[in-house]
Amino acid sequence: MTATAVFEVRDLVKVFRARGSFRRGVTRPALDGVSFEVRQGEALGIVGESGSGKTTLGRILIGLDRPTSGEVLYEGEPTRRMGRRARQAFRQRVQMVFQNPFASLNPFRTVRSALADGFAHRPLSRFGREAAMVSLMEQVGLNETMLDRYPHEFSGGQRQRVVLARALTVEPGVIVADEPVSALDVSIQAQVLNLLNDLKSRLGLTLVFVTHDLRVVNFFCDRIAVMYMGRLVELGTRAQIMESSRHPYTRMLLSAAPRDEPGVRIDRPWVRNEVDATAPRADACNFAARCWARQALGNPERCTTERPDDRPAQDGRMVACHFGDEIPALAGAETAR
């Protein structure tokens, strides 16, 4: 693990057992051998379609779920083996912001009451706590007159700001955000993203941003991790992923994303095929059945008999594809058809 890494994820596996009399005993991996690092002070975006495992990964990072195998290290210490004091410190330093802010707040408690829980663990006088609450409300773009309001009296964007304020009461070092702007209007999304970016700069926060929206990670994140059916298929800087991606699945996501300049030609292949509902084989590429690049290369058997290597390259990029170096040229030819 590098000296600047906050989290190190090693070969993480999470298997869920299907429920119901007709599917009893059926298992499917939500995570299948995921490994990566979260670096100090960065914003790491985790992106993928529904069912890719990105939310499960976020929940395991903060300790809400336990992995089936593999481990998560926080500042070099395995989270599963933390003692009581270390776990209390971890829960203070790592906070999560969920998709639905209304569900994250008690409808019968005012904002002041919600924030007071976090401040209770800090050595502040009554007047010091009041001043800290006011300052925190201002940091997230709200004012002190809103402290005595209830959650239903806020808009969706304002509620998400309240949730952020509550997370900041314990002075965290890491915030894991699970689709925090997906339920908001586009203009409000921009306000919340700008707020998160500002808080990251001013407070030195490390952010893990789980989303399905490539436009969000392009605006907001330093590095981007792309997941597909429980596996990490590509990881690199924002420029590497958004401008020169080398995995066919990432290219498909980019081709499906709304474009800011309609009519401008972009060398990205169109989306093809539907998600394969069957569990992928451990000794194969899990994207093989859907891969347009494999078809362009003449349907090579290697994709169905050998799992791609997911070790980082010299430039720090990771591409879990046997033919990653050929993808840019293939994508250009595919678009030209």
Protein backbone atom coordinates (compact mmCIF):
# COMPACT_ATOMS: atom_id res chain seq x y z
CA MET A 1 0.00 0.00 0.00
CA THR A 2 1.36 3.45 -0.88
CA ALA A 3 2.09 5.92 1.91
CA THR A 4 -0.75 8.20 0.77
CA ALA A 5 -3.46 5.51 0.56
CA VAL A 6 -6.41 5.80 2.97
CA PHE A 7 -8.09 2.56 1.88
CA GLU A 8 -6.62 -0.53 0.29
CA VAL A 9 -9.07 -3.12 -1.02
CA ARG A 10 -7.63 -6.59 -1.55
CA ASP A 11 -9.39 -9.32 -3.59
CA LEU A 12 -12.81 -8.39 -2.23
CA VAL A 13 -15.57 -10.94 -2.76
CA LYS A 14 -19.20 -10.61 -1.70
CA VAL A 15 -21.67 -13.39 -2.48
CA PHE A 16 -25.41 -13.08 -1.88
CA ARG A 17 -27.64 -16.13 -1.65
CA ALA A 18 -30.90 -15.86 -3.59
CA ARG A 19 -34.14 -16.04 -1.65
CA GLY A 20 -37.36 -17.81 -2.55
CA SER A 21 -38.33 -21.45 -2.86
CA PHE A 22 -37.54 -21.67 -6.59
CA ARG A 23 -34.05 -20.15 -6.27
CA ARG A 24 -32.95 -21.61 -2.94
CA GLY A 25 -29.23 -22.34 -2.89
CA VAL A 26 -28.50 -20.14 -5.93
CA THR A 27 -25.63 -17.71 -5.33
CA ARG A 28 -24.26 -14.80 -7.31
CA PRO A 29 -21.19 -12.68 -6.57
CA ALA A 30 -21.95 -8.98 -6.10
CA LEU A 31 -18.17 -8.45 -5.92
CA ASP A 32 -15.71 -10.82 -7.56
CA GLY A 33 -12.07 -10.20 -6.65
CA VAL A 34 -12.00 -6.39 -6.52
CA SER A 35 -8.69 -4.68 -5.63
CA PHE A 36 -7.78 -0.97 -5.64
CA GLU A 37 -6.62 1.94 -3.45
CA VAL A 38 -8.24 5.18 -2.35
CA ARG A 39 -5.61 7.89 -2.07
CA GLN A 40 -5.46 10.66 0.51
CA GLY A 41 -7.26 13.82 -0.60
CA GLU A 42 -8.58 12.49 -3.91
CA ALA A 43 -12.07 12.15 -5.30
CA LEU A 44 -12.45 8.61 -6.63
CA GLY A 45 -15.49 7.89 -8.76
CA ILE A 46 -16.91 4.35 -8.87
CA VAL A 47 -19.17 4.02 -11.90
CA GLY A 48 -21.18 1.25 -13.54
CA GLU A 49 -24.66 0.09 -14.47
CA SER A 50 -27.22 -1.09 -11.94
CA GLY A 51 -26.11 -4.41 -10.51
CA SER A 52 -22.42 -3.78 -11.10
CA GLY A 53 -21.65 -4.00 -7.36
CA LYS A 54 -20.69 -0.39 -6.80
CA THR A 55 -23.13 0.25 -3.92
CA THR A 56 -22.16 -3.02 -2.23
CA LEU A 57 -18.54 -1.93 -2.49
CA GLY A 58 -19.32 1.42 -0.84
CA ARG A 59 -21.19 -0.26 2.01
CA ILE A 60 -18.31 -2.66 2.66
CA LEU A 61 -15.82 0.22 2.68
CA ILE A 62 -17.59 1.89 5.59
CA GLY A 63 -18.38 -1.36 7.42
CA LEU A 64 -22.13 -1.61 6.83
CA ASP A 65 -21.66 -4.96 5.05
CA ARG A 66 -19.07 -7.68 5.58
CA PRO A 67 -17.24 -9.27 2.65
CA THR A 68 -17.40 -12.99 1.99
CA SER A 69 -13.63 -12.98 1.53
CA GLY A 70 -10.83 -10.51 0.95
CA GLU A 71 -10.15 -7.51 3.14
CA VAL A 72 -10.32 -3.74 3.43
CA LEU A 73 -7.42 -1.88 5.05
CA TYR A 74 -7.95 1.60 6.49
CA GLU A 75 -4.67 3.44 7.01
CA GLY A 76 -2.93 0.08 6.95
CA GLU A 77 -5.19 -1.70 9.47
CA PRO A 78 -7.69 -4.40 8.42
CA THR A 79 -11.18 -3.12 9.26
CA ARG A 80 -12.47 -6.61 10.14
CA ARG A 81 -9.92 -6.95 12.92
CA MET A 82 -10.29 -3.52 14.51
CA GLY A 83 -10.74 -3.34 18.26
CA ARG A 84 -13.54 -1.39 19.90
CA ARG A 85 -11.67 1.92 20.18
CA ALA A 86 -10.24 1.67 16.67
CA ARG A 87 -13.69 0.94 15.24
CA GLN A 88 -15.21 3.93 17.05
CA ALA A 89 -12.48 6.16 15.61
CA PHE A 90 -13.06 4.64 12.16
CA ARG A 91 -16.79 5.36 12.31
CA GLN A 92 -16.03 8.96 13.13
CA ARG A 93 -13.40 9.39 10.41
CA VAL A 94 -15.41 7.67 7.64
CA GLN A 95 -18.94 8.88 6.93
CA MET A 96 -21.48 7.90 4.26
CA VAL A 97 -24.00 10.05 2.40
CA PHE A 98 -26.87 8.08 0.87
CA GLN A 99 -28.99 8.63 -2.24
CA ASN A 100 -32.22 9.56 -0.47
CA PRO A 101 -31.61 12.42 2.00
CA PHE A 102 -35.16 12.31 3.38
CA ALA A 103 -34.73 8.66 4.40
CA SER A 104 -31.45 9.59 6.11
CA LEU A 105 -33.12 12.07 8.45
CA ASN A 106 -35.56 11.51 11.30
CA PRO A 107 -38.78 13.34 10.26
CA PHE A 108 -39.60 14.06 13.92
CA ARG A 109 -36.30 15.79 14.74
CA THR A 110 -35.17 19.28 13.80
CA VAL A 111 -31.87 19.98 12.09
CA ARG A 112 -30.51 21.32 15.37
CA SER A 113 -31.31 18.03 17.09
CA ALA A 114 -29.77 16.00 14.26
CA LEU A 115 -26.54 18.00 14.34
CA ALA A 116 -26.34 17.90 18.13
CA ASP A 117 -25.65 14.14 18.07
CA GLY A 118 -22.41 14.68 16.19
CA PHE A 119 -21.29 17.65 18.27
CA ALA A 120 -21.94 15.70 21.49
CA HIS A 121 -18.65 13.88 20.99
CA ARG A 122 -16.64 17.11 20.74
CA PRO A 123 -15.42 19.06 23.81
CA LEU A 124 -17.51 22.19 23.22
CA SER A 125 -19.42 24.42 25.60
CA ARG A 126 -23.08 25.13 24.96
CA PHE A 127 -22.25 28.44 23.29
CA GLY A 128 -19.33 26.90 21.40
CA ARG A 129 -21.60 24.19 20.03
CA GLU A 130 -24.17 26.75 18.90
CA ALA A 131 -21.49 28.77 17.10
CA ALA A 132 -20.14 25.60 15.47
CA MET A 133 -23.64 24.67 14.24
CA VAL A 134 -24.14 28.09 12.68
CA SER A 135 -20.71 27.95 11.03
CA LEU A 136 -21.39 24.48 9.67
CA MET A 137 -24.75 25.51 8.22
CA GLU A 138 -23.03 28.37 6.43
CA GLN A 139 -20.36 26.02 5.07
CA VAL A 140 -23.02 23.91 3.33
CA GLY A 141 -24.92 26.93 1.99
CA LEU A 142 -27.71 27.13 4.59
CA ASN A 143 -28.37 29.63 7.38
CA GLU A 144 -28.98 29.48 11.10
CA THR A 145 -32.73 30.19 10.78
CA MET A 146 -33.07 26.69 9.29
CA LEU A 147 -31.74 24.95 12.41
CA ASP A 148 -35.20 24.63 13.93
CA ARG A 149 -36.88 23.28 10.80
CA TYR A 150 -37.92 19.68 10.19
CA PRO A 151 -36.83 17.63 7.14
CA HIS A 152 -40.16 18.00 5.31
CA GLU A 153 -39.69 21.78 5.31
CA PHE A 154 -36.66 21.58 3.00
CA SER A 155 -36.26 20.97 -0.71
CA GLY A 156 -34.39 17.88 -1.91
CA GLY A 157 -31.18 19.81 -2.47
CA GLN A 158 -31.42 21.48 0.92
CA ARG A 159 -31.99 18.12 2.63
CA GLN A 160 -28.85 16.74 1.00
CA ARG A 161 -26.95 19.75 2.36
CA VAL A 162 -28.32 18.99 5.83
CA VAL A 163 -27.12 15.38 5.50
CA LEU A 164 -23.68 16.66 4.51
CA ALA A 165 -23.66 19.01 7.50
CA ARG A 166 -24.54 16.14 9.82
CA ALA A 167 -21.70 14.04 8.38
CA LEU A 168 -19.26 16.92 8.92
CA THR A 169 -20.14 17.36 12.61
CA VAL A 170 -17.71 14.57 13.55
CA GLU A 171 -14.91 16.06 11.43
CA PRO A 172 -14.46 13.07 9.07
CA GLY A 173 -11.49 12.50 6.80
CA VAL A 174 -13.39 10.38 4.26
CA ILE A 175 -16.90 10.67 2.85
CA VAL A 176 -18.39 7.82 0.82
CA ALA A 177 -21.28 9.21 -1.25
CA ASP A 178 -23.73 6.75 -2.84
CA GLU A 179 -25.59 8.43 -5.73
CA PRO A 180 -26.03 11.64 -3.67
CA VAL A 181 -27.34 13.74 -6.57
CA SER A 182 -29.24 11.21 -8.71
CA ALA A 183 -32.64 12.18 -7.25
CA LEU A 184 -32.06 15.92 -7.73
CA ASP A 185 -32.83 18.26 -10.63
CA VAL A 186 -29.87 19.01 -12.90
CA SER A 187 -29.40 22.56 -11.61
CA ILE A 188 -29.50 21.36 -8.00
CA GLN A 189 -27.08 18.56 -8.85
CA ALA A 190 -24.54 21.15 -9.98
CA GLN A 191 -24.95 23.10 -6.72
CA VAL A 192 -24.39 20.00 -4.56
CA LEU A 193 -21.40 18.87 -6.64
CA ASN A 194 -19.84 22.32 -6.41
CA LEU A 195 -20.40 22.24 -2.65
CA LEU A 196 -18.71 18.83 -2.34
CA ASN A 197 -15.80 20.03 -4.46
CA ASP A 198 -15.44 23.12 -2.29
CA LEU A 199 -15.59 21.11 0.95
CA LYS A 200 -12.98 18.71 -0.43
CA SER A 201 -10.60 21.60 -1.12
CA ARG A 202 -11.19 23.52 2.11
CA LEU A 203 -11.33 20.59 4.53
CA GLY A 204 -8.92 18.20 2.81
CA LEU A 205 -11.55 15.49 2.48
CA THR A 206 -11.10 12.22 0.65
CA LEU A 207 -14.23 11.40 -1.37
CA VAL A 208 -15.45 8.10 -2.78
CA PHE A 209 -18.27 8.91 -5.19
CA VAL A 210 -20.55 6.04 -6.27
CA THR A 211 -22.65 6.87 -9.34
CA HIS A 212 -23.98 5.62 -12.67
CA ASP A 213 -23.52 9.04 -14.32
CA LEU A 214 -20.29 9.54 -16.27
CA ARG A 215 -20.96 13.27 -16.56
CA VAL A 216 -20.80 13.56 -12.77
CA VAL A 217 -17.47 11.75 -12.44
CA ASN A 218 -16.04 13.71 -15.38
CA PHE A 219 -16.87 16.96 -13.60
CA PHE A 220 -15.93 15.93 -10.13
CA CYS A 221 -13.42 13.08 -9.80
CA ASP A 222 -9.64 12.80 -10.00
CA ARG A 223 -9.68 9.08 -10.80
CA ILE A 224 -12.44 6.80 -12.08
CA ALA A 225 -13.03 3.10 -11.39
CA VAL A 226 -15.38 1.31 -13.81
CA MET A 227 -17.21 -1.79 -12.57
CA TYR A 228 -19.09 -4.48 -14.47
CA MET A 229 -20.91 -7.43 -12.88
CA GLY A 230 -18.89 -7.36 -9.69
CA ARG A 231 -15.47 -6.85 -11.25
CA LEU A 232 -13.28 -3.80 -11.67
CA VAL A 233 -12.66 -3.56 -15.42
CA GLU A 234 -10.84 -0.25 -15.73
CA LEU A 235 -9.22 2.26 -13.37
CA GLY A 236 -7.36 5.41 -14.27
CA THR A 237 -7.26 9.18 -14.15
CA ARG A 238 -10.23 11.17 -15.39
CA ALA A 239 -8.42 11.95 -18.66
CA GLN A 240 -7.44 8.31 -19.20
CA ILE A 241 -11.00 7.05 -18.73
CA MET A 242 -12.96 9.84 -20.41
CA GLU A 243 -10.60 10.59 -23.32
CA SER A 244 -8.67 7.38 -24.01
CA SER A 245 -10.47 4.46 -22.37
CA ARG A 246 -9.17 1.01 -23.29
CA HIS A 247 -11.92 -1.30 -22.10
CA PRO A 248 -14.85 -2.10 -24.42
CA TYR A 249 -17.37 -1.79 -21.58
CA THR A 250 -16.15 1.70 -20.69
CA ARG A 251 -16.47 2.63 -24.36
CA MET A 252 -20.05 1.39 -24.34
CA LEU A 253 -20.86 3.50 -21.27
CA LEU A 254 -19.37 6.55 -22.97
CA SER A 255 -21.37 5.94 -26.14
CA ALA A 256 -24.59 5.79 -24.12
CA ALA A 257 -23.89 8.92 -22.04
CA PRO A 258 -25.65 12.16 -23.06
CA ARG A 259 -23.32 14.42 -25.01
CA ASP A 260 -22.87 18.12 -24.31
CA GLU A 261 -22.36 18.89 -28.01
CA PRO A 262 -24.94 17.08 -30.15
CA GLY A 263 -23.74 16.46 -33.69
CA VAL A 264 -20.06 16.31 -32.77
CA ARG A 265 -18.56 13.00 -33.90
CA ILE A 266 -16.90 11.01 -31.12
CA ASP A 267 -15.01 7.75 -31.74
CA ARG A 268 -17.10 5.57 -29.45
CA PRO A 269 -19.00 2.43 -30.44
CA TRP A 270 -22.73 2.16 -30.03
CA VAL A 271 -24.17 0.06 -27.21
CA ARG A 272 -24.83 -3.53 -28.24
CA ASN A 273 -26.61 -6.45 -26.59
CA GLU A 274 -28.23 -6.67 -23.18
CA VAL A 275 -26.64 -7.56 -19.86
CA ASP A 276 -26.09 -11.31 -19.57
CA ALA A 277 -28.14 -12.43 -16.55
CA THR A 278 -26.11 -15.60 -16.00
CA ALA A 279 -23.28 -15.58 -13.50
CA PRO A 280 -19.86 -15.14 -15.20
CA ARG A 281 -17.31 -17.95 -15.10
CA ALA A 282 -14.33 -17.44 -12.84
CA ASP A 283 -11.93 -18.44 -15.63
CA ALA A 284 -13.34 -16.08 -18.28
CA CYS A 285 -13.91 -12.41 -19.00
CA ASN A 286 -17.32 -11.51 -17.56
CA PHE A 287 -17.95 -9.12 -20.47
CA ALA A 288 -17.22 -11.63 -23.24
CA ALA A 289 -20.85 -12.37 -24.20
CA ARG A 290 -21.56 -8.67 -24.72
CA CYS A 291 -18.22 -7.49 -26.09
CA TRP A 292 -18.26 -5.69 -29.46
CA ALA A 293 -14.43 -5.72 -29.56
CA ARG A 294 -14.37 -9.52 -29.34
CA GLN A 295 -16.69 -9.66 -32.32
CA ALA A 296 -14.49 -7.21 -34.25
CA LEU A 297 -11.42 -9.36 -33.52
CA GLY A 298 -13.06 -12.47 -34.89
CA ASN A 299 -14.54 -13.82 -31.64
CA PRO A 300 -11.26 -14.95 -29.99
CA GLU A 301 -11.58 -17.95 -27.67
CA ARG A 302 -9.18 -16.44 -25.13
CA CYS A 303 -12.00 -14.24 -23.76
CA THR A 304 -14.06 -17.28 -22.76
CA THR A 305 -11.22 -19.39 -21.36
CA GLU A 306 -8.96 -16.94 -19.52
CA ARG A 307 -9.74 -14.20 -17.00
CA PRO A 308 -8.05 -10.89 -17.96
CA ASP A 309 -5.21 -9.62 -15.80
CA ASP A 310 -6.15 -6.62 -13.63
CA ARG A 311 -2.67 -5.48 -12.59
CA PRO A 312 -1.85 -1.77 -13.11
CA ALA A 313 0.25 -0.73 -16.11
CA GLN A 314 3.28 1.58 -15.95
CA ASP A 315 1.11 4.70 -16.34
CA GLY A 316 -1.01 3.65 -13.33
CA ARG A 317 -3.97 2.65 -15.47
CA MET A 318 -5.61 -0.75 -14.95
CA VAL A 319 -7.48 -2.40 -17.82
CA ALA A 320 -8.94 -5.88 -17.37
CA CYS A 321 -9.04 -6.72 -21.08
CA HIS A 322 -6.87 -9.08 -23.14
CA PHE A 323 -6.89 -6.60 -26.02
CA GLY A 324 -6.85 -3.27 -24.18
CA ASP A 325 -4.07 -1.80 -26.32
CA GLU A 326 -6.13 -2.41 -29.47
CA ILE A 327 -9.42 -0.90 -28.22
CA PRO A 328 -8.84 2.76 -29.36
CA ALA A 329 -8.23 1.68 -32.97
CA LEU A 330 -11.11 -0.79 -32.92
CA ALA A 331 -13.47 1.85 -31.52
CA GLY A 332 -12.57 4.24 -34.31
CA ALA A 333 -13.22 1.62 -36.98
CA GLU A 334 -16.49 0.61 -35.30
CA THR A 335 -17.78 4.19 -35.27
CA ALA A 336 -16.80 4.70 -38.90
CA ARG A 337 -19.14 1.93 -40.09
